[in-house]
Amino acid sequence: MIDWNEQLREMREEYDSTPLRKSEMKACPLEQFSIWLEEATEAGIPDCNACSLASVDEESRPVARAVLLKGMEADCFVFYTNFNSRKAVQLRNSPWASMHFPWFAMQRQVVVTGKVSLLDESTSEDYFRSRPSLSKLGAWASKQSEDLDSRETLEKSFLEAREKYGEDPPKPPHWGGLALEPETIEFWQGGPHRLHDRFLFERGESNGWSIRRLYP
């Protein structure tokens, strides 16, 4: 059996990015995020719009899962889900959340924190119509986060949805978008000798942004 303690101790990535200067950062973190996202896309980072979304349960215990960023609406980070899912229920009870974008192949990561609210229905409708037909049916077939006795039950539910709604199903009433309005956005870039670069943007009372460098 592998001695994982020894293996883990030996795992070490050497970073060699050019130091990141404050003068190189855009004044607006949303613009800076867009630039980094575009560069991640051009670099071929798989699922570069994927992030870990962290929320808290009713006992304030953190829970994280992967979601896909699907829009930047009104300066908010937008994703879609079943409103009966565990994450949606948690966010209704405690709307503060964080998103972590792990672009480690580029020696970069971004952490966004803020408050989550419901996206308007028309935007959710527009996005749902743009989805592939089978994905639309999947939204009807899955009772997300509920107990499931077997794979066969899920596949049966999918076939029943297909028989009922055909190839162009409507948006389920329990499905739609959530928007995280950022309060802070932190940019991290790896540096030699663990001298990483970290810049934290914080939203002020007038919706302006301040920026400061943090020790790595």
N, C-alpha and C. Protein backbone atom coordinates (compact mmCIF):
# COMPACT_ATOMS: atom_id res chain seq x y z
N MET A 1 0.84 -1.20 0.00
CA MET A 1 0.00 0.00 0.00
C MET A 1 0.88 1.25 0.00
N ILE A 2 0.44 2.25 -0.71
CA ILE A 2 1.21 3.49 -0.80
C ILE A 2 1.19 4.22 0.54
N ASP A 3 2.34 4.71 0.95
CA ASP A 3 2.42 5.55 2.14
C ASP A 3 2.09 6.98 1.70
N TRP A 4 0.81 7.34 1.80
CA TRP A 4 0.40 8.63 1.28
C TRP A 4 0.98 9.80 2.05
N ASN A 5 1.27 9.61 3.33
CA ASN A 5 1.89 10.70 4.07
C ASN A 5 3.22 11.10 3.43
N GLU A 6 4.01 10.11 3.09
CA GLU A 6 5.31 10.39 2.45
C GLU A 6 5.10 10.98 1.07
N GLN A 7 4.17 10.39 0.29
CA GLN A 7 3.90 10.88 -1.06
C GLN A 7 3.43 12.34 -1.04
N LEU A 8 2.52 12.65 -0.14
CA LEU A 8 1.98 14.00 -0.07
C LEU A 8 3.03 15.01 0.36
N ARG A 9 3.91 14.61 1.27
CA ARG A 9 4.98 15.51 1.68
C ARG A 9 5.90 15.86 0.52
N GLU A 10 6.05 14.90 -0.41
CA GLU A 10 6.97 15.11 -1.53
C GLU A 10 6.33 15.84 -2.70
N MET A 11 5.01 15.97 -2.70
CA MET A 11 4.34 16.69 -3.79
C MET A 11 4.59 18.18 -3.63
N ARG A 12 5.22 18.76 -4.64
CA ARG A 12 5.56 20.17 -4.54
C ARG A 12 5.65 20.77 -5.93
N GLU A 13 4.91 21.82 -6.16
CA GLU A 13 4.93 22.51 -7.45
C GLU A 13 5.79 23.76 -7.34
N GLU A 14 6.71 23.91 -8.29
CA GLU A 14 7.54 25.11 -8.31
C GLU A 14 6.93 26.13 -9.26
N TYR A 15 6.61 27.30 -8.74
CA TYR A 15 5.99 28.35 -9.54
C TYR A 15 7.06 29.28 -10.09
N ASP A 16 6.81 29.77 -11.30
CA ASP A 16 7.82 30.63 -11.94
C ASP A 16 7.20 31.79 -12.71
N SER A 17 6.00 32.20 -12.32
CA SER A 17 5.36 33.30 -13.03
C SER A 17 6.13 34.60 -12.80
N THR A 18 6.05 35.48 -13.79
CA THR A 18 6.63 36.81 -13.65
C THR A 18 5.88 37.56 -12.55
N PRO A 19 6.58 38.24 -11.65
CA PRO A 19 5.87 38.96 -10.58
C PRO A 19 4.78 39.88 -11.11
N LEU A 20 3.66 39.89 -10.39
CA LEU A 20 2.50 40.69 -10.78
C LEU A 20 2.53 42.00 -10.02
N ARG A 21 2.48 43.11 -10.74
CA ARG A 21 2.56 44.43 -10.13
C ARG A 21 1.16 45.04 -10.00
N LYS A 22 0.99 45.85 -8.96
CA LYS A 22 -0.29 46.51 -8.75
C LYS A 22 -0.65 47.40 -9.93
N SER A 23 0.35 48.01 -10.53
CA SER A 23 0.11 48.90 -11.67
C SER A 23 -0.43 48.16 -12.89
N GLU A 24 -0.27 46.83 -12.92
CA GLU A 24 -0.74 46.01 -14.04
C GLU A 24 -2.20 45.59 -13.87
N MET A 25 -2.73 45.77 -12.66
CA MET A 25 -4.10 45.34 -12.39
C MET A 25 -5.09 46.43 -12.82
N LYS A 26 -6.21 46.02 -13.38
CA LYS A 26 -7.26 46.95 -13.74
C LYS A 26 -7.91 47.52 -12.48
N ALA A 27 -8.43 48.72 -12.58
CA ALA A 27 -9.06 49.35 -11.43
C ALA A 27 -10.34 48.63 -11.04
N CYS A 28 -11.01 48.01 -12.02
CA CYS A 28 -12.24 47.26 -11.76
C CYS A 28 -11.91 45.76 -11.75
N PRO A 29 -12.19 45.05 -10.64
CA PRO A 29 -11.86 43.63 -10.58
C PRO A 29 -12.66 42.78 -11.56
N LEU A 30 -13.86 43.23 -11.92
CA LEU A 30 -14.65 42.47 -12.89
C LEU A 30 -13.99 42.51 -14.27
N GLU A 31 -13.39 43.64 -14.60
CA GLU A 31 -12.64 43.72 -15.85
C GLU A 31 -11.39 42.84 -15.78
N GLN A 32 -10.72 42.85 -14.62
CA GLN A 32 -9.54 42.01 -14.45
C GLN A 32 -9.92 40.53 -14.53
N PHE A 33 -11.05 40.17 -13.93
CA PHE A 33 -11.51 38.78 -13.99
C PHE A 33 -11.79 38.38 -15.44
N SER A 34 -12.42 39.24 -16.20
CA SER A 34 -12.72 38.95 -17.60
C SER A 34 -11.45 38.70 -18.40
N ILE A 35 -10.42 39.48 -18.11
CA ILE A 35 -9.14 39.30 -18.81
C ILE A 35 -8.54 37.94 -18.46
N TRP A 36 -8.53 37.61 -17.18
CA TRP A 36 -7.95 36.33 -16.78
C TRP A 36 -8.77 35.15 -17.30
N LEU A 37 -10.09 35.30 -17.33
CA LEU A 37 -10.95 34.23 -17.86
C LEU A 37 -10.68 34.04 -19.35
N GLU A 38 -10.53 35.14 -20.07
CA GLU A 38 -10.22 35.04 -21.50
C GLU A 38 -8.87 34.36 -21.71
N GLU A 39 -7.88 34.70 -20.89
CA GLU A 39 -6.57 34.09 -21.02
C GLU A 39 -6.61 32.61 -20.66
N ALA A 40 -7.43 32.24 -19.69
CA ALA A 40 -7.59 30.82 -19.34
C ALA A 40 -8.24 30.06 -20.49
N THR A 41 -9.21 30.70 -21.14
CA THR A 41 -9.87 30.08 -22.30
C THR A 41 -8.87 29.87 -23.43
N GLU A 42 -8.08 30.91 -23.72
CA GLU A 42 -7.10 30.82 -24.81
C GLU A 42 -6.01 29.80 -24.50
N ALA A 43 -5.72 29.60 -23.21
CA ALA A 43 -4.70 28.62 -22.81
C ALA A 43 -5.22 27.19 -22.84
N GLY A 44 -6.51 27.02 -23.09
CA GLY A 44 -7.09 25.68 -23.16
C GLY A 44 -7.32 25.04 -21.81
N ILE A 45 -7.51 25.83 -20.77
CA ILE A 45 -7.79 25.27 -19.45
C ILE A 45 -9.15 24.56 -19.51
N PRO A 46 -9.22 23.27 -19.20
CA PRO A 46 -10.52 22.56 -19.25
C PRO A 46 -11.52 23.17 -18.27
N ASP A 47 -12.75 23.36 -18.76
CA ASP A 47 -13.81 23.88 -17.91
C ASP A 47 -13.36 25.11 -17.12
N CYS A 48 -12.79 26.08 -17.83
CA CYS A 48 -12.25 27.25 -17.13
C CYS A 48 -13.33 28.09 -16.48
N ASN A 49 -14.59 27.86 -16.82
CA ASN A 49 -15.69 28.56 -16.15
C ASN A 49 -16.21 27.79 -14.94
N ALA A 50 -15.56 26.68 -14.60
CA ALA A 50 -15.96 25.91 -13.43
C ALA A 50 -15.34 26.51 -12.17
N CYS A 51 -16.10 26.47 -11.09
CA CYS A 51 -15.60 26.96 -9.82
C CYS A 51 -16.19 26.13 -8.69
N SER A 52 -15.57 26.22 -7.52
CA SER A 52 -16.14 25.63 -6.32
C SER A 52 -17.00 26.70 -5.66
N LEU A 53 -18.28 26.37 -5.47
CA LEU A 53 -19.20 27.28 -4.80
C LEU A 53 -19.38 26.80 -3.37
N ALA A 54 -19.05 27.65 -2.41
CA ALA A 54 -19.17 27.28 -1.00
C ALA A 54 -20.32 28.04 -0.35
N SER A 55 -21.13 27.30 0.39
CA SER A 55 -22.23 27.86 1.17
C SER A 55 -22.14 27.27 2.57
N VAL A 56 -23.11 27.59 3.42
CA VAL A 56 -23.14 27.00 4.76
C VAL A 56 -24.52 26.40 5.01
N ASP A 57 -24.55 25.32 5.78
CA ASP A 57 -25.83 24.68 6.09
C ASP A 57 -26.47 25.35 7.30
N GLU A 58 -27.57 24.76 7.79
CA GLU A 58 -28.33 25.37 8.88
C GLU A 58 -27.55 25.41 10.19
N GLU A 59 -26.46 24.65 10.28
CA GLU A 59 -25.61 24.67 11.48
C GLU A 59 -24.30 25.40 11.23
N SER A 60 -24.28 26.19 10.15
CA SER A 60 -23.11 27.01 9.78
C SER A 60 -21.89 26.17 9.41
N ARG A 61 -22.12 24.94 8.97
CA ARG A 61 -21.02 24.09 8.49
C ARG A 61 -20.84 24.34 7.00
N PRO A 62 -19.59 24.56 6.55
CA PRO A 62 -19.38 24.87 5.14
C PRO A 62 -19.59 23.65 4.25
N VAL A 63 -20.13 23.90 3.07
CA VAL A 63 -20.35 22.87 2.05
C VAL A 63 -19.93 23.45 0.71
N ALA A 64 -19.14 22.70 -0.05
CA ALA A 64 -18.68 23.19 -1.36
C ALA A 64 -19.01 22.17 -2.43
N ARG A 65 -19.24 22.68 -3.65
CA ARG A 65 -19.47 21.82 -4.80
C ARG A 65 -19.08 22.60 -6.05
N ALA A 66 -18.91 21.89 -7.16
CA ALA A 66 -18.55 22.54 -8.41
C ALA A 66 -19.79 23.03 -9.13
N VAL A 67 -19.74 24.26 -9.64
CA VAL A 67 -20.78 24.80 -10.51
C VAL A 67 -20.10 25.47 -11.70
N LEU A 68 -20.88 25.77 -12.72
CA LEU A 68 -20.36 26.44 -13.90
C LEU A 68 -20.84 27.88 -13.94
N LEU A 69 -19.90 28.80 -14.10
CA LEU A 69 -20.26 30.20 -14.30
C LEU A 69 -20.89 30.33 -15.67
N LYS A 70 -22.11 30.89 -15.72
CA LYS A 70 -22.83 30.95 -16.99
C LYS A 70 -23.21 32.36 -17.40
N GLY A 71 -22.71 33.35 -16.70
CA GLY A 71 -22.99 34.71 -17.12
C GLY A 71 -22.39 35.72 -16.17
N MET A 72 -22.27 36.95 -16.67
CA MET A 72 -21.86 38.10 -15.86
C MET A 72 -22.95 39.16 -16.07
N GLU A 73 -24.02 39.03 -15.31
CA GLU A 73 -25.19 39.89 -15.48
C GLU A 73 -25.18 40.99 -14.43
N ALA A 74 -25.21 42.25 -14.88
CA ALA A 74 -25.25 43.41 -13.96
C ALA A 74 -24.15 43.31 -12.91
N ASP A 75 -22.95 42.97 -13.37
CA ASP A 75 -21.76 42.85 -12.51
C ASP A 75 -21.90 41.75 -11.46
N CYS A 76 -22.74 40.76 -11.73
CA CYS A 76 -22.89 39.61 -10.84
C CYS A 76 -22.42 38.34 -11.55
N PHE A 77 -22.01 37.35 -10.74
CA PHE A 77 -21.58 36.06 -11.25
C PHE A 77 -22.79 35.13 -11.24
N VAL A 78 -23.19 34.66 -12.41
CA VAL A 78 -24.45 33.93 -12.56
C VAL A 78 -24.22 32.43 -12.76
N PHE A 79 -25.03 31.63 -12.07
CA PHE A 79 -25.05 30.18 -12.28
C PHE A 79 -26.49 29.72 -12.16
N TYR A 80 -26.75 28.49 -12.60
CA TYR A 80 -28.13 27.97 -12.65
C TYR A 80 -28.23 26.67 -11.86
N THR A 81 -29.41 26.43 -11.31
CA THR A 81 -29.59 25.24 -10.49
C THR A 81 -31.07 24.93 -10.29
N ASN A 82 -31.32 23.77 -9.73
CA ASN A 82 -32.64 23.38 -9.23
C ASN A 82 -32.85 24.10 -7.90
N PHE A 83 -33.94 24.84 -7.76
CA PHE A 83 -34.16 25.61 -6.54
C PHE A 83 -34.46 24.72 -5.32
N ASN A 84 -34.71 23.43 -5.55
CA ASN A 84 -34.91 22.51 -4.44
C ASN A 84 -33.62 21.79 -4.05
N SER A 85 -32.52 22.11 -4.71
CA SER A 85 -31.25 21.45 -4.42
C SER A 85 -30.70 21.89 -3.07
N ARG A 86 -29.74 21.14 -2.58
CA ARG A 86 -29.14 21.46 -1.29
C ARG A 86 -28.51 22.85 -1.29
N LYS A 87 -27.77 23.19 -2.37
CA LYS A 87 -27.12 24.50 -2.38
C LYS A 87 -28.12 25.64 -2.43
N ALA A 88 -29.21 25.47 -3.21
CA ALA A 88 -30.21 26.53 -3.31
C ALA A 88 -30.91 26.74 -1.97
N VAL A 89 -31.24 25.66 -1.28
CA VAL A 89 -31.87 25.76 0.03
C VAL A 89 -30.94 26.46 1.02
N GLN A 90 -29.67 26.08 1.01
CA GLN A 90 -28.70 26.71 1.91
C GLN A 90 -28.55 28.19 1.62
N LEU A 91 -28.55 28.55 0.33
CA LEU A 91 -28.37 29.96 -0.03
C LEU A 91 -29.61 30.79 0.28
N ARG A 92 -30.78 30.17 0.28
CA ARG A 92 -31.98 30.88 0.73
C ARG A 92 -31.90 31.19 2.22
N ASN A 93 -31.36 30.25 2.97
CA ASN A 93 -31.28 30.42 4.42
C ASN A 93 -30.13 31.35 4.82
N SER A 94 -29.04 31.29 4.07
CA SER A 94 -27.88 32.13 4.35
C SER A 94 -27.25 32.50 3.02
N PRO A 95 -27.55 33.67 2.48
CA PRO A 95 -27.21 33.99 1.09
C PRO A 95 -25.75 34.32 0.82
N TRP A 96 -24.90 34.31 1.82
CA TRP A 96 -23.48 34.62 1.59
C TRP A 96 -22.75 33.38 1.08
N ALA A 97 -21.92 33.58 0.07
CA ALA A 97 -21.23 32.44 -0.55
C ALA A 97 -19.90 32.89 -1.12
N SER A 98 -19.10 31.92 -1.54
CA SER A 98 -17.84 32.23 -2.23
C SER A 98 -17.69 31.33 -3.44
N MET A 99 -16.97 31.83 -4.43
CA MET A 99 -16.63 31.07 -5.63
C MET A 99 -15.12 31.03 -5.77
N HIS A 100 -14.59 29.84 -6.01
CA HIS A 100 -13.14 29.68 -6.18
C HIS A 100 -12.86 29.13 -7.57
N PHE A 101 -12.15 29.91 -8.38
CA PHE A 101 -11.78 29.50 -9.73
C PHE A 101 -10.33 29.03 -9.72
N PRO A 102 -10.07 27.71 -9.89
CA PRO A 102 -8.73 27.14 -9.74
C PRO A 102 -8.01 26.97 -11.08
N TRP A 103 -7.38 28.01 -11.55
CA TRP A 103 -6.65 27.92 -12.82
C TRP A 103 -5.18 27.60 -12.55
N PHE A 104 -4.94 26.45 -11.90
CA PHE A 104 -3.60 26.12 -11.44
C PHE A 104 -2.62 25.87 -12.58
N ALA A 105 -3.13 25.42 -13.73
CA ALA A 105 -2.24 25.20 -14.86
C ALA A 105 -1.60 26.51 -15.33
N MET A 106 -2.22 27.62 -14.99
CA MET A 106 -1.67 28.94 -15.30
C MET A 106 -1.06 29.60 -14.06
N GLN A 107 -0.98 28.84 -12.98
CA GLN A 107 -0.46 29.35 -11.71
C GLN A 107 -1.29 30.53 -11.22
N ARG A 108 -2.61 30.40 -11.37
CA ARG A 108 -3.53 31.46 -10.97
C ARG A 108 -4.76 30.88 -10.29
N GLN A 109 -5.37 31.70 -9.45
CA GLN A 109 -6.68 31.37 -8.90
C GLN A 109 -7.38 32.66 -8.51
N VAL A 110 -8.69 32.63 -8.48
CA VAL A 110 -9.50 33.79 -8.11
C VAL A 110 -10.55 33.33 -7.11
N VAL A 111 -10.74 34.12 -6.06
CA VAL A 111 -11.76 33.83 -5.05
C VAL A 111 -12.71 35.03 -4.98
N VAL A 112 -14.00 34.75 -5.14
CA VAL A 112 -15.03 35.79 -5.13
C VAL A 112 -15.96 35.52 -3.95
N THR A 113 -16.27 36.54 -3.16
CA THR A 113 -17.24 36.39 -2.08
C THR A 113 -18.33 37.44 -2.23
N GLY A 114 -19.52 37.09 -1.81
CA GLY A 114 -20.62 38.04 -1.90
C GLY A 114 -21.94 37.41 -1.54
N LYS A 115 -23.00 38.16 -1.80
CA LYS A 115 -24.35 37.75 -1.45
C LYS A 115 -25.08 37.26 -2.70
N VAL A 116 -25.81 36.17 -2.56
CA VAL A 116 -26.51 35.54 -3.68
C VAL A 116 -27.98 35.91 -3.66
N SER A 117 -28.51 36.22 -4.84
CA SER A 117 -29.94 36.51 -4.97
C SER A 117 -30.48 35.82 -6.21
N LEU A 118 -31.80 35.81 -6.32
CA LEU A 118 -32.47 35.16 -7.44
C LEU A 118 -32.33 36.01 -8.70
N LEU A 119 -31.99 35.36 -9.80
CA LEU A 119 -31.91 36.03 -11.08
C LEU A 119 -33.32 36.24 -11.64
N ASP A 120 -33.50 37.29 -12.44
CA ASP A 120 -34.83 37.54 -12.97
C ASP A 120 -35.27 36.40 -13.89
N GLU A 121 -36.57 36.17 -13.93
CA GLU A 121 -37.15 35.01 -14.63
C GLU A 121 -36.88 35.05 -16.13
N SER A 122 -36.91 36.23 -16.74
CA SER A 122 -36.71 36.31 -18.19
C SER A 122 -35.31 35.87 -18.59
N THR A 123 -34.30 36.22 -17.78
CA THR A 123 -32.93 35.80 -18.07
C THR A 123 -32.79 34.29 -17.93
N SER A 124 -33.43 33.73 -16.91
CA SER A 124 -33.41 32.28 -16.73
C SER A 124 -34.09 31.58 -17.89
N GLU A 125 -35.21 32.13 -18.35
CA GLU A 125 -35.92 31.56 -19.51
C GLU A 125 -35.03 31.59 -20.75
N ASP A 126 -34.37 32.71 -20.99
CA ASP A 126 -33.50 32.83 -22.17
C ASP A 126 -32.38 31.80 -22.13
N TYR A 127 -31.77 31.64 -20.95
CA TYR A 127 -30.68 30.69 -20.86
C TYR A 127 -31.18 29.25 -21.04
N PHE A 128 -32.32 28.94 -20.42
CA PHE A 128 -32.84 27.58 -20.53
C PHE A 128 -33.11 27.22 -21.98
N ARG A 129 -33.66 28.16 -22.75
CA ARG A 129 -33.93 27.89 -24.16
C ARG A 129 -32.65 27.63 -24.96
N SER A 130 -31.53 28.15 -24.49
CA SER A 130 -30.26 27.96 -25.21
C SER A 130 -29.61 26.62 -24.92
N ARG A 131 -30.10 25.88 -23.93
CA ARG A 131 -29.49 24.61 -23.54
C ARG A 131 -29.83 23.51 -24.54
N PRO A 132 -28.96 22.49 -24.63
CA PRO A 132 -29.30 21.33 -25.47
C PRO A 132 -30.58 20.66 -24.98
N SER A 133 -31.30 20.06 -25.89
CA SER A 133 -32.58 19.46 -25.57
C SER A 133 -32.48 18.44 -24.44
N LEU A 134 -31.46 17.58 -24.48
CA LEU A 134 -31.35 16.53 -23.48
C LEU A 134 -31.03 17.11 -22.10
N SER A 135 -30.29 18.22 -22.08
CA SER A 135 -30.03 18.88 -20.80
C SER A 135 -31.31 19.48 -20.22
N LYS A 136 -32.16 20.01 -21.09
CA LYS A 136 -33.45 20.52 -20.63
C LYS A 136 -34.27 19.41 -19.98
N LEU A 137 -34.28 18.24 -20.62
CA LEU A 137 -35.03 17.11 -20.06
C LEU A 137 -34.43 16.66 -18.74
N GLY A 138 -33.10 16.74 -18.64
CA GLY A 138 -32.44 16.36 -17.40
C GLY A 138 -32.89 17.22 -16.23
N ALA A 139 -33.19 18.50 -16.50
CA ALA A 139 -33.67 19.39 -15.43
C ALA A 139 -35.02 18.93 -14.89
N TRP A 140 -35.84 18.31 -15.75
CA TRP A 140 -37.12 17.77 -15.31
C TRP A 140 -36.95 16.41 -14.61
N ALA A 141 -35.99 15.63 -15.09
CA ALA A 141 -35.84 14.26 -14.59
C ALA A 141 -35.23 14.19 -13.20
N SER A 142 -34.37 15.16 -12.86
CA SER A 142 -33.63 15.07 -11.60
C SER A 142 -34.30 15.83 -10.47
N LYS A 143 -34.56 15.12 -9.37
CA LYS A 143 -34.99 15.76 -8.12
C LYS A 143 -33.72 16.04 -7.32
N GLN A 144 -32.99 17.03 -7.75
CA GLN A 144 -31.63 17.24 -7.29
C GLN A 144 -31.50 17.26 -5.77
N SER A 145 -30.54 16.49 -5.28
CA SER A 145 -30.16 16.37 -3.86
C SER A 145 -31.08 15.45 -3.06
N GLU A 146 -32.17 14.95 -3.66
CA GLU A 146 -33.01 13.98 -2.94
C GLU A 146 -32.41 12.58 -3.04
N ASP A 147 -32.79 11.71 -2.14
CA ASP A 147 -32.32 10.32 -2.18
C ASP A 147 -32.79 9.64 -3.47
N LEU A 148 -31.92 8.81 -4.03
CA LEU A 148 -32.22 8.08 -5.27
C LEU A 148 -31.88 6.62 -5.06
N ASP A 149 -32.85 5.74 -5.32
CA ASP A 149 -32.62 4.32 -5.02
C ASP A 149 -31.76 3.61 -6.06
N SER A 150 -31.77 4.10 -7.31
CA SER A 150 -30.98 3.41 -8.33
C SER A 150 -30.80 4.28 -9.57
N ARG A 151 -29.81 3.94 -10.38
CA ARG A 151 -29.60 4.61 -11.66
C ARG A 151 -30.80 4.40 -12.57
N GLU A 152 -31.39 3.22 -12.49
CA GLU A 152 -32.53 2.89 -13.35
C GLU A 152 -33.71 3.82 -13.10
N THR A 153 -33.91 4.21 -11.85
CA THR A 153 -35.00 5.13 -11.53
C THR A 153 -34.78 6.48 -12.18
N LEU A 154 -33.54 6.95 -12.15
CA LEU A 154 -33.21 8.22 -12.78
C LEU A 154 -33.43 8.15 -14.29
N GLU A 155 -32.98 7.08 -14.92
CA GLU A 155 -33.14 6.93 -16.36
C GLU A 155 -34.62 6.82 -16.74
N LYS A 156 -35.40 6.16 -15.91
CA LYS A 156 -36.85 6.06 -16.16
C LYS A 156 -37.50 7.44 -16.08
N SER A 157 -37.08 8.23 -15.10
CA SER A 157 -37.62 9.58 -14.97
C SER A 157 -37.28 10.44 -16.18
N PHE A 158 -36.09 10.24 -16.73
CA PHE A 158 -35.68 10.97 -17.93
C PHE A 158 -36.55 10.59 -19.13
N LEU A 159 -36.78 9.29 -19.29
CA LEU A 159 -37.63 8.84 -20.40
C LEU A 159 -39.06 9.32 -20.27
N GLU A 160 -39.56 9.37 -19.05
CA GLU A 160 -40.91 9.87 -18.81
C GLU A 160 -41.01 11.35 -19.15
N ALA A 161 -39.96 12.10 -18.81
CA ALA A 161 -39.95 13.53 -19.15
C ALA A 161 -39.89 13.73 -20.66
N ARG A 162 -39.13 12.87 -21.32
CA ARG A 162 -39.02 12.97 -22.78
C ARG A 162 -40.37 12.65 -23.44
N GLU A 163 -41.04 11.65 -22.91
CA GLU A 163 -42.34 11.28 -23.48
C GLU A 163 -43.37 12.39 -23.24
N LYS A 164 -43.29 13.04 -22.10
CA LYS A 164 -44.26 14.07 -21.75
C LYS A 164 -44.03 15.38 -22.48
N TYR A 165 -42.74 15.80 -22.59
CA TYR A 165 -42.44 17.14 -23.10
C TYR A 165 -41.83 17.15 -24.50
N GLY A 166 -41.42 16.00 -25.01
CA GLY A 166 -40.81 15.97 -26.33
C GLY A 166 -39.40 16.52 -26.33
N GLU A 167 -38.98 17.06 -27.47
CA GLU A 167 -37.59 17.50 -27.64
C GLU A 167 -37.36 18.95 -27.23
N ASP A 168 -38.42 19.68 -26.90
CA ASP A 168 -38.25 21.08 -26.53
C ASP A 168 -39.08 21.39 -25.28
N PRO A 169 -38.65 20.87 -24.13
CA PRO A 169 -39.43 21.06 -22.91
C PRO A 169 -39.35 22.49 -22.40
N PRO A 170 -40.36 22.93 -21.69
CA PRO A 170 -40.32 24.27 -21.08
C PRO A 170 -39.40 24.27 -19.86
N LYS A 171 -39.07 25.45 -19.37
CA LYS A 171 -38.26 25.54 -18.16
C LYS A 171 -39.09 25.11 -16.95
N PRO A 172 -38.55 24.23 -16.14
CA PRO A 172 -39.28 23.85 -14.92
C PRO A 172 -39.44 25.05 -13.99
N PRO A 173 -40.55 25.15 -13.28
CA PRO A 173 -40.73 26.28 -12.36
C PRO A 173 -39.74 26.26 -11.21
N HIS A 174 -39.16 25.08 -10.92
CA HIS A 174 -38.22 24.95 -9.81
C HIS A 174 -36.76 25.09 -10.26
N TRP A 175 -36.53 25.64 -11.43
CA TRP A 175 -35.17 25.72 -11.99
C TRP A 175 -34.92 27.15 -12.48
N GLY A 176 -33.72 27.66 -12.22
CA GLY A 176 -33.42 29.00 -12.71
C GLY A 176 -32.06 29.47 -12.24
N GLY A 177 -31.84 30.78 -12.36
CA GLY A 177 -30.52 31.34 -12.10
C GLY A 177 -30.39 32.01 -10.75
N LEU A 178 -29.17 31.97 -10.25
CA LEU A 178 -28.78 32.69 -9.04
C LEU A 178 -27.62 33.61 -9.40
N ALA A 179 -27.56 34.76 -8.75
CA ALA A 179 -26.54 35.75 -9.06
C ALA A 179 -25.79 36.14 -7.80
N LEU A 180 -24.47 35.98 -7.83
CA LEU A 180 -23.63 36.38 -6.70
C LEU A 180 -23.09 37.78 -6.98
N GLU A 181 -23.49 38.74 -6.15
CA GLU A 181 -22.97 40.10 -6.27
C GLU A 181 -21.70 40.22 -5.43
N PRO A 182 -20.54 40.42 -6.06
CA PRO A 182 -19.28 40.34 -5.32
C PRO A 182 -19.08 41.49 -4.35
N GLU A 183 -18.62 41.14 -3.16
CA GLU A 183 -18.15 42.11 -2.17
C GLU A 183 -16.63 42.17 -2.17
N THR A 184 -15.99 41.02 -2.40
CA THR A 184 -14.54 40.97 -2.52
C THR A 184 -14.17 40.05 -3.68
N ILE A 185 -13.08 40.35 -4.33
CA ILE A 185 -12.51 39.49 -5.38
C ILE A 185 -10.99 39.47 -5.17
N GLU A 186 -10.46 38.29 -4.94
CA GLU A 186 -9.01 38.16 -4.72
C GLU A 186 -8.36 37.44 -5.90
N PHE A 187 -7.28 38.01 -6.39
CA PHE A 187 -6.49 37.42 -7.48
C PHE A 187 -5.18 36.92 -6.90
N TRP A 188 -4.85 35.68 -7.22
CA TRP A 188 -3.62 35.03 -6.73
C TRP A 188 -2.84 34.53 -7.93
N GLN A 189 -1.54 34.79 -7.91
CA GLN A 189 -0.66 34.25 -8.95
C GLN A 189 0.59 33.71 -8.29
N GLY A 190 0.98 32.49 -8.69
CA GLY A 190 2.14 31.85 -8.09
C GLY A 190 3.44 32.56 -8.43
N GLY A 191 4.38 32.56 -7.49
CA GLY A 191 5.67 33.19 -7.71
C GLY A 191 6.81 32.31 -7.23
N PRO A 192 8.02 32.55 -7.70
CA PRO A 192 9.18 31.76 -7.28
C PRO A 192 9.39 31.84 -5.76
N HIS A 193 9.87 30.74 -5.18
CA HIS A 193 10.21 30.66 -3.76
C HIS A 193 9.00 30.91 -2.86
N ARG A 194 7.80 30.63 -3.38
CA ARG A 194 6.55 30.83 -2.65
C ARG A 194 6.27 32.31 -2.37
N LEU A 195 6.90 33.19 -3.13
CA LEU A 195 6.62 34.62 -3.01
C LEU A 195 5.49 34.96 -3.98
N HIS A 196 4.31 34.45 -3.67
CA HIS A 196 3.16 34.61 -4.55
C HIS A 196 2.64 36.05 -4.50
N ASP A 197 1.87 36.40 -5.53
CA ASP A 197 1.23 37.71 -5.59
C ASP A 197 -0.25 37.57 -5.28
N ARG A 198 -0.74 38.39 -4.36
CA ARG A 198 -2.15 38.38 -3.99
C ARG A 198 -2.67 39.82 -3.96
N PHE A 199 -3.77 40.05 -4.67
CA PHE A 199 -4.41 41.36 -4.66
C PHE A 199 -5.88 41.19 -4.29
N LEU A 200 -6.30 41.92 -3.28
CA LEU A 200 -7.68 41.83 -2.80
C LEU A 200 -8.42 43.12 -3.14
N PHE A 201 -9.50 42.98 -3.93
CA PHE A 201 -10.40 44.09 -4.21
C PHE A 201 -11.58 44.02 -3.24
N GLU A 202 -11.95 45.15 -2.67
CA GLU A 202 -13.09 45.22 -1.77
C GLU A 202 -14.02 46.34 -2.22
N ARG A 203 -15.32 46.03 -2.25
CA ARG A 203 -16.32 47.01 -2.67
C ARG A 203 -16.60 47.98 -1.53
N GLY A 204 -16.61 49.28 -1.85
CA GLY A 204 -16.89 50.29 -0.85
C GLY A 204 -18.36 50.64 -0.80
N GLU A 205 -18.71 51.56 0.11
CA GLU A 205 -20.11 51.94 0.29
C GLU A 205 -20.70 52.58 -0.96
N SER A 206 -19.89 53.27 -1.75
CA SER A 206 -20.37 53.93 -2.96
C SER A 206 -20.24 53.02 -4.18
N ASN A 207 -20.04 51.73 -3.94
CA ASN A 207 -19.86 50.72 -5.00
C ASN A 207 -18.54 50.86 -5.76
N GLY A 208 -17.66 51.72 -5.26
CA GLY A 208 -16.32 51.77 -5.82
C GLY A 208 -15.48 50.64 -5.26
N TRP A 209 -14.33 50.41 -5.87
CA TRP A 209 -13.47 49.31 -5.45
C TRP A 209 -12.14 49.82 -4.93
N SER A 210 -11.68 49.25 -3.82
CA SER A 210 -10.33 49.50 -3.33
C SER A 210 -9.49 48.25 -3.59
N ILE A 211 -8.20 48.42 -3.68
CA ILE A 211 -7.31 47.28 -3.92
C ILE A 211 -6.13 47.35 -2.98
N ARG A 212 -5.75 46.22 -2.44
CA ARG A 212 -4.55 46.16 -1.62
C ARG A 212 -3.84 44.84 -1.84
N ARG A 213 -2.52 44.88 -1.68
CA ARG A 213 -1.71 43.67 -1.81
C ARG A 213 -1.64 42.96 -0.47
N LEU A 214 -1.72 41.64 -0.51
CA LEU A 214 -1.64 40.82 0.69
C LEU A 214 -0.35 40.00 0.69
N TYR A 215 0.18 39.75 1.89
CA TYR A 215 1.27 38.80 1.98
C TYR A 215 0.80 37.43 1.48
N PRO A 216 1.68 36.68 0.83
CA PRO A 216 1.28 35.34 0.36
C PRO A 216 1.14 34.36 1.54
